[in-house]
Protein backbone atom coordinates (compact mmCIF):
# COMPACT_ATOMS: atom_id res chain seq x y z
CA UNK A 1 2.69 -26.23 -33.40
CA UNK A 2 6.08 -24.57 -34.15
CA UNK A 3 7.58 -25.81 -37.50
CA UNK A 4 10.53 -27.28 -35.63
CA UNK A 5 8.29 -29.47 -33.28
CA UNK A 6 6.07 -30.45 -36.31
CA UNK A 7 9.27 -31.58 -38.02
CA UNK A 8 10.25 -33.67 -35.09
CA UNK A 9 6.71 -35.17 -34.86
CA UNK A 10 6.67 -36.13 -38.46
CA UNK A 11 10.11 -37.82 -38.16
CA UNK A 12 8.98 -39.79 -35.11
CA UNK A 13 5.77 -40.71 -36.77
CA UNK A 14 7.50 -41.81 -39.96
CA UNK A 15 10.03 -44.06 -37.95
CA UNK A 16 7.31 -45.66 -36.13
CA UNK A 17 5.06 -46.30 -39.09
CA UNK A 18 7.93 -47.84 -41.01
CA UNK A 19 8.62 -50.22 -38.06
CA UNK A 20 4.87 -51.03 -38.05
CA UNK A 21 4.81 -51.92 -41.64
CA UNK A 22 7.91 -54.01 -41.31
CA UNK A 23 6.66 -56.16 -38.46
CA UNK A 24 3.31 -56.58 -40.00
CA UNK A 25 4.87 -57.73 -43.33
CA UNK A 26 7.31 -60.15 -41.73
CA UNK A 27 4.48 -61.53 -39.34
CA UNK A 28 6.85 -61.09 -36.61
CA UNK A 29 4.09 -60.46 -34.13
CA UNK A 30 1.44 -59.41 -27.95
CA UNK A 31 0.09 -62.28 -26.16
CA UNK A 32 -3.19 -61.94 -24.30
CA UNK A 33 -5.11 -58.75 -24.82
CA UNK A 34 -4.57 -56.08 -22.13
CA UNK A 35 -3.99 -52.42 -21.44
CA UNK A 36 -3.15 -50.91 -24.90
CA UNK A 37 -0.43 -50.77 -25.82
CA UNK A 38 0.96 -52.96 -23.16
CA UNK A 39 0.03 -56.43 -21.54
CA UNK A 40 0.22 -54.75 -18.19
CA UNK A 41 -2.96 -52.90 -17.25
CA UNK A 42 -3.63 -49.98 -14.86
CA UNK A 43 -6.43 -49.21 -12.22
CA UNK A 44 -7.54 -45.84 -13.86
CA UNK A 45 -10.92 -46.23 -15.44
CA UNK A 46 -12.06 -44.07 -18.33
CA UNK A 47 -13.91 -40.79 -17.04
CA UNK A 48 -17.67 -40.79 -16.27
CA UNK A 49 -19.63 -40.68 -19.60
CA UNK A 50 -16.43 -40.77 -21.75
CA UNK A 51 -15.39 -43.33 -24.32
CA UNK A 52 -12.26 -44.99 -25.78
CA UNK A 53 -12.69 -47.01 -28.94
CA UNK A 54 -9.65 -48.86 -30.46
CA UNK A 55 -9.39 -50.28 -33.82
CA UNK A 56 -6.28 -52.42 -33.46
CA UNK A 57 -4.07 -55.45 -34.56
CA UNK A 58 -2.19 -57.84 -32.37
CA UNK A 59 0.36 -60.37 -33.56
CA UNK A 60 1.93 -63.11 -31.81
CA UNK A 61 4.67 -65.54 -33.24
CA UNK A 62 5.96 -68.50 -31.35
CA UNK A 63 7.35 -72.01 -32.07
CA UNK A 64 3.91 -73.55 -32.40
CA UNK A 65 1.86 -70.99 -34.38
CA UNK A 66 1.43 -67.44 -35.66
CA UNK A 67 -1.87 -65.83 -34.68
CA UNK A 68 -3.18 -62.40 -35.01
CA UNK A 69 -6.32 -60.21 -34.36
CA UNK A 70 -7.07 -58.99 -37.75
CA UNK A 71 -8.65 -56.55 -36.58
CA UNK A 72 -10.13 -56.47 -33.30
CA UNK A 73 -12.28 -53.41 -31.65
CA UNK A 74 -11.91 -52.48 -28.12
CA UNK A 75 -14.54 -50.22 -26.52
CA UNK A 76 -14.34 -48.79 -22.92
CA UNK A 77 -16.99 -46.44 -21.51
CA UNK A 78 -17.04 -44.65 -18.12
CA UNK A 79 -20.37 -45.92 -16.85
CA UNK A 80 -20.39 -44.17 -13.36
CA UNK A 81 -17.43 -42.41 -11.59
CA UNK A 82 -14.60 -44.86 -10.84
CA UNK A 83 -16.22 -47.61 -12.95
CA UNK A 84 -15.55 -48.53 -16.56
CA UNK A 85 -17.27 -51.25 -18.57
CA UNK A 86 -14.94 -53.15 -21.27
CA UNK A 87 -15.53 -55.00 -24.54
CA UNK A 88 -13.07 -56.72 -27.04
CA UNK A 89 -14.60 -58.23 -30.23
CA UNK A 90 -11.80 -59.82 -32.33
CA UNK A 91 -11.56 -61.26 -35.62
CA UNK A 92 -8.69 -63.99 -35.56
CA UNK A 93 -6.18 -65.26 -37.97
CA UNK A 94 -4.37 -68.37 -36.74
CA UNK A 95 -1.77 -70.29 -38.61
CA UNK A 96 -0.46 -73.34 -36.65
CA UNK A 97 2.93 -74.68 -37.63
CA UNK A 98 2.64 -77.26 -40.50
CA UNK A 99 -1.11 -76.83 -40.90
CA UNK A 100 -3.61 -74.62 -42.73
CA UNK A 101 -4.47 -70.97 -41.48
CA UNK A 102 -7.87 -70.12 -40.18
CA UNK A 103 -9.72 -66.92 -40.05
CA UNK A 104 -13.04 -65.92 -38.23
CA UNK A 105 -14.48 -64.59 -35.03
CA UNK A 106 -12.53 -65.25 -31.66
CA UNK A 107 -13.46 -65.26 -28.09
CA UNK A 108 -15.20 -62.18 -26.66
CA UNK A 109 -13.63 -60.20 -23.84
CA UNK A 110 -15.98 -58.35 -21.25
CA UNK A 111 -15.00 -56.80 -18.08
CA UNK A 112 -15.61 -54.10 -15.48
CA UNK A 113 -12.74 -51.73 -14.08
CA UNK A 114 -13.37 -50.51 -10.58
CA UNK A 115 -10.94 -47.88 -8.73
CA UNK A 116 -11.50 -48.14 -5.04
CA UNK A 117 -8.53 -46.04 -3.96
CA UNK A 118 -7.67 -42.71 -5.23
CA UNK A 119 -4.08 -41.59 -5.83
CA UNK A 120 -2.90 -38.77 -3.52
CA UNK A 121 0.73 -37.39 -2.98
CA UNK A 122 1.82 -40.30 -0.81
CA UNK A 123 -0.30 -43.22 -1.91
CA UNK A 124 -1.12 -45.00 -5.13
CA UNK A 125 -4.50 -45.52 -6.71
CA UNK A 126 -5.71 -48.94 -6.87
CA UNK A 127 -8.38 -51.04 -8.67
CA UNK A 128 -9.65 -54.35 -9.82
CA UNK A 129 -10.60 -55.20 -13.38
CA UNK A 130 -12.15 -58.84 -13.66
CA UNK A 131 -12.36 -60.02 -17.12
CA UNK A 132 -14.39 -62.78 -18.74
CA UNK A 133 -13.21 -64.35 -22.00
CA UNK A 134 -16.46 -65.59 -23.51
CA UNK A 135 -15.96 -68.89 -25.70
CA UNK A 136 -17.54 -67.37 -28.93
CA UNK A 137 -14.65 -68.61 -31.17
CA UNK A 138 -14.53 -71.91 -32.83
CA UNK A 139 -12.01 -74.15 -30.90
CA UNK A 140 -11.78 -76.74 -33.50
CA UNK A 141 -10.20 -74.24 -35.85
CA UNK A 142 -8.02 -72.70 -33.19
CA UNK A 143 -10.11 -69.43 -32.87
CA UNK A 144 -11.05 -69.85 -29.28
CA UNK A 145 -10.41 -71.55 -26.03
CA UNK A 146 -13.63 -73.74 -26.00
CA UNK A 147 -14.78 -72.86 -22.40
CA UNK A 148 -14.97 -69.55 -20.55
CA UNK A 149 -11.96 -68.10 -18.83
CA UNK A 150 -11.89 -65.62 -15.77
CA UNK A 151 -9.15 -63.26 -14.87
CA UNK A 152 -9.04 -61.73 -11.39
CA UNK A 153 -6.40 -59.07 -11.12
CA UNK A 154 -5.26 -56.12 -8.82
CA UNK A 155 -3.71 -53.22 -10.26
CA UNK A 156 -1.74 -50.10 -8.87
CA UNK A 157 -0.49 -46.86 -10.16
CA UNK A 158 1.51 -43.90 -9.18
CA UNK A 159 2.47 -40.68 -10.95
CA UNK A 160 5.10 -38.05 -10.35
CA UNK A 161 5.53 -35.20 -12.81
CA UNK A 162 6.10 -36.52 -16.43
CA UNK A 163 6.66 -40.10 -15.06
CA UNK A 164 3.72 -42.79 -14.49
CA UNK A 165 4.29 -46.34 -13.29
CA UNK A 166 1.74 -49.06 -12.87
CA UNK A 167 1.25 -52.80 -12.49
CA UNK A 168 0.13 -55.77 -10.45
CA UNK A 169 -1.32 -59.04 -11.72
CA UNK A 170 -3.77 -61.73 -10.67
CA UNK A 171 -5.09 -65.29 -11.12
CA UNK A 172 -6.47 -66.67 -14.49
CA UNK A 173 -9.09 -69.44 -14.05
CA UNK A 174 -8.51 -71.54 -17.30
CA UNK A 175 -10.68 -74.65 -17.45
CA UNK A 176 -10.60 -77.09 -20.44
CA UNK A 177 -8.65 -80.33 -21.35
CA UNK A 178 -4.95 -79.81 -21.21
CA UNK A 179 -5.26 -76.28 -19.63
CA UNK A 180 -4.36 -75.22 -16.04
CA UNK A 181 -5.15 -72.18 -14.07
CA UNK A 182 -2.09 -69.65 -13.98
CA UNK A 183 -0.73 -66.33 -12.56
CA UNK A 184 0.14 -63.31 -14.60
CA UNK A 185 2.01 -60.17 -13.49
CA UNK A 186 3.46 -57.13 -14.94
CA UNK A 187 4.90 -53.79 -14.31
CA UNK A 188 5.18 -50.88 -16.66
CA UNK A 189 6.95 -47.27 -16.47
CA UNK A 190 6.29 -44.54 -18.95
CA UNK A 191 7.26 -40.79 -19.51
CA UNK A 192 5.71 -37.96 -21.26
CA UNK A 193 8.11 -36.70 -23.52
CA UNK A 194 5.75 -34.00 -24.70
CA UNK A 195 2.09 -33.36 -25.06
CA UNK A 196 2.25 -35.54 -28.37
CA UNK A 197 4.44 -38.35 -27.36
CA UNK A 198 4.59 -40.88 -24.28
CA UNK A 199 7.19 -43.74 -24.30
CA UNK A 200 7.04 -46.75 -21.95
CA UNK A 201 8.52 -50.15 -21.13
CA UNK A 202 7.12 -53.04 -19.27
CA UNK A 203 8.27 -56.51 -17.94
CA UNK A 204 5.76 -59.27 -17.40
CA UNK A 205 5.61 -62.91 -16.35
CA UNK A 206 3.13 -65.57 -16.67
CA UNK A 207 3.05 -69.21 -15.18
CA UNK A 208 2.25 -72.13 -17.40
CA UNK A 209 -1.23 -72.20 -18.87
CA UNK A 210 -1.14 -75.68 -20.16
CA UNK A 211 -0.04 -79.14 -18.55
CA UNK A 212 3.69 -79.41 -19.48
CA UNK A 213 3.67 -75.81 -20.72
CA UNK A 214 6.29 -73.19 -20.24
CA UNK A 215 6.21 -69.98 -18.25
CA UNK A 216 6.86 -66.81 -19.87
CA UNK A 217 9.06 -63.80 -18.94
CA UNK A 218 9.57 -60.91 -21.32
CA UNK A 219 9.37 -57.27 -21.93
CA UNK A 220 7.68 -54.72 -24.25
CA UNK A 221 8.59 -51.20 -25.36
CA UNK A 222 5.84 -48.87 -26.67
CA UNK A 223 4.71 -45.52 -27.69
CA UNK A 224 1.59 -43.41 -27.55
CA UNK A 225 1.39 -40.61 -30.10
CA UNK A 226 -1.48 -37.98 -29.53
CA UNK A 227 -2.47 -36.19 -32.84
CA UNK A 228 -5.01 -34.28 -30.45
CA UNK A 229 -7.40 -34.95 -27.69
CA UNK A 230 -9.44 -37.35 -29.68
CA UNK A 231 -7.04 -39.13 -32.02
CA UNK A 232 -4.30 -41.39 -31.04
CA UNK A 233 -1.73 -44.03 -32.40
CA UNK A 234 -0.58 -46.71 -29.94
CA UNK A 235 2.36 -49.11 -30.68
CA UNK A 236 4.42 -51.72 -28.84
CA UNK A 237 6.80 -54.56 -29.53
CA UNK A 238 8.83 -57.04 -27.53
CA UNK A 239 9.53 -60.64 -26.99
CA UNK A 240 9.54 -63.42 -24.47
CA UNK A 241 13.00 -63.86 -22.97
CA UNK A 242 12.08 -67.55 -21.84
CA UNK A 243 9.51 -70.04 -22.89
CA UNK A 244 8.16 -70.43 -26.41
CA UNK A 245 10.37 -67.90 -28.02
CA UNK A 246 7.53 -65.38 -28.33
CA UNK A 247 7.71 -62.13 -30.37
CA UNK A 248 4.94 -59.85 -30.49
CA UNK A 249 3.58 -56.52 -32.04
CA UNK A 250 0.65 -54.16 -31.39
CA UNK A 251 -0.74 -51.29 -33.28
CA UNK A 252 -3.96 -49.46 -32.80
CA UNK A 253 -5.76 -46.21 -33.69
CA UNK A 254 -7.67 -44.91 -30.55
CA UNK A 255 -10.60 -42.48 -30.53
CA UNK A 256 -11.34 -40.62 -27.15
CA UNK A 257 -14.52 -38.60 -26.70
CA UNK A 258 -17.12 -37.46 -24.24
CA UNK A 259 -19.38 -34.62 -23.11
């Protein structure tokens, strides 16, 4: 890398790292786990026989509680062409307002992403990515939902030069006392600034997930820093513009590899 570009990259990384530390120290935390580093996902699966492994933390602060994955591990694997299997195993930290904090294993997320339409010059790619939240966390300590949840989304994506945009949404089946099924939508646009840096912004909306709860409409901004083909740093931060005054932050180290 030329010295000038190396200096620019070091400056960018230093700024983002400083922001990361500031948010973590102030506990000013991303809501439900989704496509790193954004809530909105995409239809593009991991390449056949390739891996994505994330070591991540995701913080959320609202009027009722502060919660975080501390940390969580996400693993995606290209099982066959156009099909990816997915796992998230989280350690959770929860601090309800006016109550003691709790730490332990949370609900496990598993899923399968299937791309059924390939992108062409005139049509976007499309895929489905059903997810199951397995109730492995202790609900009595606020570490889990207590019952299994199911998300049934449809995602679309289109690229043009350095620009990529994707989004869609789906329906959450959310059983349990006081809970209600709800819809979740999002759309993201991102631009490759260089081979080392991609920046993006998303908007999202979620209908109430609890009886008497609030809907959420908000945004996130984020960046993907590629140190090389294997090692990456992902960051995003944002807030809810309505509902429970949500602030959020996500940071992860990503390792990608394959044959």
